[in-house]
Amino acid sequence: MTDSAATTVRDNPDEGVYEVAVGPEKAITAYELGDGTITYTHTYVPPEAEGQGVGGALVRFALDDARARGLRVIPLCPFVRGWIERHPEYDDLVHSK
């Protein structure tokens, strides 16, 4: 699996996660909505899907969704924070206190 259209990410607001089906499991990026912000708290990718672009697809989708919704991003999750550092085109979304 790669960072391509083959990876179908969806927002599951009832559970506060962006998710991708990975066999019988799900890869997720958890979030909490605030006043004009979205805080990414945790990312989980099943071990069998690690290194296949699933986490990157989740984060890209989540950040693109934040941009479309006009939300500022608080990347508490180390995976999300590191991904943003490697993709500076998303720096403008990061909420500075």
C-alpha atoms as a PDB file:
ATOM      1  CA  MET A   1       0.000   0.000   0.000  1.00  0.00           C
ATOM      2  CA  THR A   2       1.247   3.494  -0.770  1.00  0.00           C
ATOM      3  CA  ASP A   3       0.278   7.131  -0.367  1.00  0.00           C
ATOM      4  CA  SER A   4      -2.073   6.724  -3.334  1.00  0.00           C
ATOM      5  CA  ALA A   5      -5.740   6.681  -4.145  1.00  0.00           C
ATOM      6  CA  ALA A   6      -5.673   2.939  -3.332  1.00  0.00           C
ATOM      7  CA  THR A   7      -5.546   3.964   0.342  1.00  0.00           C
ATOM      8  CA  THR A   8      -9.089   5.011   1.226  1.00  0.00           C
ATOM      9  CA  VAL A   9      -9.090   7.258   4.282  1.00  0.00           C
ATOM     10  CA  ARG A  10     -12.308   8.411   5.885  1.00  0.00           C
ATOM     11  CA  ASP A  11     -13.247  10.649   8.761  1.00  0.00           C
ATOM     12  CA  ASN A  12     -15.179   8.888  11.515  1.00  0.00           C
ATOM     13  CA  PRO A  13     -16.317  11.850  13.644  1.00  0.00           C
ATOM     14  CA  ASP A  14     -18.353   9.642  16.003  1.00  0.00           C
ATOM     15  CA  GLU A  15     -15.092   8.033  17.155  1.00  0.00           C
ATOM     16  CA  GLY A  16     -12.878  11.096  16.604  1.00  0.00           C
ATOM     17  CA  VAL A  17     -10.568   9.342  14.152  1.00  0.00           C
ATOM     18  CA  TYR A  18      -9.483   9.302  10.555  1.00  0.00           C
ATOM     19  CA  GLU A  19      -9.271   5.657   9.559  1.00  0.00           C
ATOM     20  CA  VAL A  20      -8.107   3.237   6.891  1.00  0.00           C
ATOM     21  CA  ALA A  21      -9.104  -0.426   6.732  1.00  0.00           C
ATOM     22  CA  VAL A  22      -6.031  -2.657   6.879  1.00  0.00           C
ATOM     23  CA  GLY A  23      -7.290  -6.203   6.549  1.00  0.00           C
ATOM     24  CA  PRO A  24      -9.420  -6.934   9.611  1.00  0.00           C
ATOM     25  CA  GLU A  25      -7.909  -3.986  11.524  1.00  0.00           C
ATOM     26  CA  LYS A  26      -7.906  -0.227  11.130  1.00  0.00           C
ATOM     27  CA  ALA A  27      -5.095   2.287  11.021  1.00  0.00           C
ATOM     28  CA  ILE A  28      -6.166   5.498  12.744  1.00  0.00           C
ATOM     29  CA  THR A  29      -5.192   9.058  13.518  1.00  0.00           C
ATOM     30  CA  ALA A  30      -7.160  10.208  16.557  1.00  0.00           C
ATOM     31  CA  TYR A  31      -8.197  13.825  17.000  1.00  0.00           C
ATOM     32  CA  GLU A  32     -10.021  16.257  19.241  1.00  0.00           C
ATOM     33  CA  LEU A  33     -11.799  19.304  17.886  1.00  0.00           C
ATOM     34  CA  GLY A  34     -11.481  22.623  19.698  1.00  0.00           C
ATOM     35  CA  ASP A  35     -12.406  26.216  19.014  1.00  0.00           C
ATOM     36  CA  GLY A  36     -10.995  26.598  15.493  1.00  0.00           C
ATOM     37  CA  THR A  37      -8.410  23.875  16.121  1.00  0.00           C
ATOM     38  CA  ILE A  38      -7.922  20.166  15.630  1.00  0.00           C
ATOM     39  CA  THR A  39      -5.511  18.338  17.926  1.00  0.00           C
ATOM     40  CA  TYR A  40      -4.009  15.121  16.605  1.00  0.00           C
ATOM     41  CA  THR A  41      -3.380  12.937  19.641  1.00  0.00           C
ATOM     42  CA  HIS A  42      -2.368   9.493  18.400  1.00  0.00           C
ATOM     43  CA  THR A  43      -1.647   7.511  15.240  1.00  0.00           C
ATOM     44  CA  TYR A  44      -1.757   3.738  15.069  1.00  0.00           C
ATOM     45  CA  VAL A  45      -0.846   1.558  12.093  1.00  0.00           C
ATOM     46  CA  PRO A  46      -1.110  -2.230  12.425  1.00  0.00           C
ATOM     47  CA  PRO A  47       2.346  -3.849  12.340  1.00  0.00           C
ATOM     48  CA  GLU A  48       1.663  -5.651   9.046  1.00  0.00           C
ATOM     49  CA  ALA A  49       1.021  -2.290   7.332  1.00  0.00           C
ATOM     50  CA  GLU A  50       3.995  -0.360   8.742  1.00  0.00           C
ATOM     51  CA  GLY A  51       6.341   1.102   6.136  1.00  0.00           C
ATOM     52  CA  GLN A  52       3.715   0.929   3.385  1.00  0.00           C
ATOM     53  CA  GLY A  53       2.585   4.576   3.385  1.00  0.00           C
ATOM     54  CA  VAL A  54      -0.589   4.038   5.383  1.00  0.00           C
ATOM     55  CA  GLY A  55       0.383   6.452   8.168  1.00  0.00           C
ATOM     56  CA  GLY A  56       1.425   9.084   5.651  1.00  0.00           C
ATOM     57  CA  ALA A  57      -1.866   8.735   3.792  1.00  0.00           C
ATOM     58  CA  LEU A  58      -3.763   9.176   7.067  1.00  0.00           C
ATOM     59  CA  VAL A  59      -1.841  12.296   8.044  1.00  0.00           C
ATOM     60  CA  ARG A  60      -2.026  13.875   4.583  1.00  0.00           C
ATOM     61  CA  PHE A  61      -5.806  13.321   4.509  1.00  0.00           C
ATOM     62  CA  ALA A  62      -6.215  14.686   8.050  1.00  0.00           C
ATOM     63  CA  LEU A  63      -4.168  17.802   7.291  1.00  0.00           C
ATOM     64  CA  ASP A  64      -5.904  18.417   3.967  1.00  0.00           C
ATOM     65  CA  ASP A  65      -9.230  18.101   5.794  1.00  0.00           C
ATOM     66  CA  ALA A  66      -8.084  20.592   8.450  1.00  0.00           C
ATOM     67  CA  ARG A  67      -7.073  23.037   5.711  1.00  0.00           C
ATOM     68  CA  ALA A  68     -10.419  22.635   3.928  1.00  0.00           C
ATOM     69  CA  ARG A  69     -12.272  23.273   7.192  1.00  0.00           C
ATOM     70  CA  GLY A  70     -10.146  26.283   8.123  1.00  0.00           C
ATOM     71  CA  LEU A  71      -8.806  24.636  11.287  1.00  0.00           C
ATOM     72  CA  ARG A  72      -5.430  25.248  12.938  1.00  0.00           C
ATOM     73  CA  VAL A  73      -3.507  22.087  13.788  1.00  0.00           C
ATOM     74  CA  ILE A  74      -2.046  21.080  17.148  1.00  0.00           C
ATOM     75  CA  PRO A  75       0.182  18.044  16.441  1.00  0.00           C
ATOM     76  CA  LEU A  76       0.554  16.364  19.857  1.00  0.00           C
ATOM     77  CA  CYS A  77       1.049  12.993  18.159  1.00  0.00           C
ATOM     78  CA  PRO A  78       4.785  12.480  17.487  1.00  0.00           C
ATOM     79  CA  PHE A  79       4.060  10.771  14.155  1.00  0.00           C
ATOM     80  CA  VAL A  80       1.957  13.702  12.909  1.00  0.00           C
ATOM     81  CA  ARG A  81       4.509  16.226  14.197  1.00  0.00           C
ATOM     82  CA  GLY A  82       7.358  14.394  12.436  1.00  0.00           C
ATOM     83  CA  TRP A  83       5.375  14.087   9.214  1.00  0.00           C
ATOM     84  CA  ILE A  84       4.722  17.844   9.180  1.00  0.00           C
ATOM     85  CA  GLU A  85       8.445  18.476   9.735  1.00  0.00           C
ATOM     86  CA  ARG A  86       9.194  16.386   6.628  1.00  0.00           C
ATOM     87  CA  HIS A  87       6.445  18.148   4.615  1.00  0.00           C
ATOM     88  CA  PRO A  88       6.904  21.887   5.206  1.00  0.00           C
ATOM     89  CA  GLU A  89       4.045  22.730   2.843  1.00  0.00           C
ATOM     90  CA  TYR A  90       1.820  22.012   5.874  1.00  0.00           C
ATOM     91  CA  ASP A  91       3.724  24.254   8.334  1.00  0.00           C
ATOM     92  CA  ASP A  92       1.195  27.061   7.876  1.00  0.00           C
ATOM     93  CA  LEU A  93      -1.507  24.931   9.508  1.00  0.00           C
ATOM     94  CA  VAL A  94       0.314  24.516  12.819  1.00  0.00           C
ATOM     95  CA  HIS A  95      -1.245  26.525  15.608  1.00  0.00           C
ATOM     96  CA  SER A  96       1.288  28.625  17.493  1.00  0.00           C
ATOM     97  CA  LYS A  97       0.309  29.618  21.002  1.00  0.00           C
END
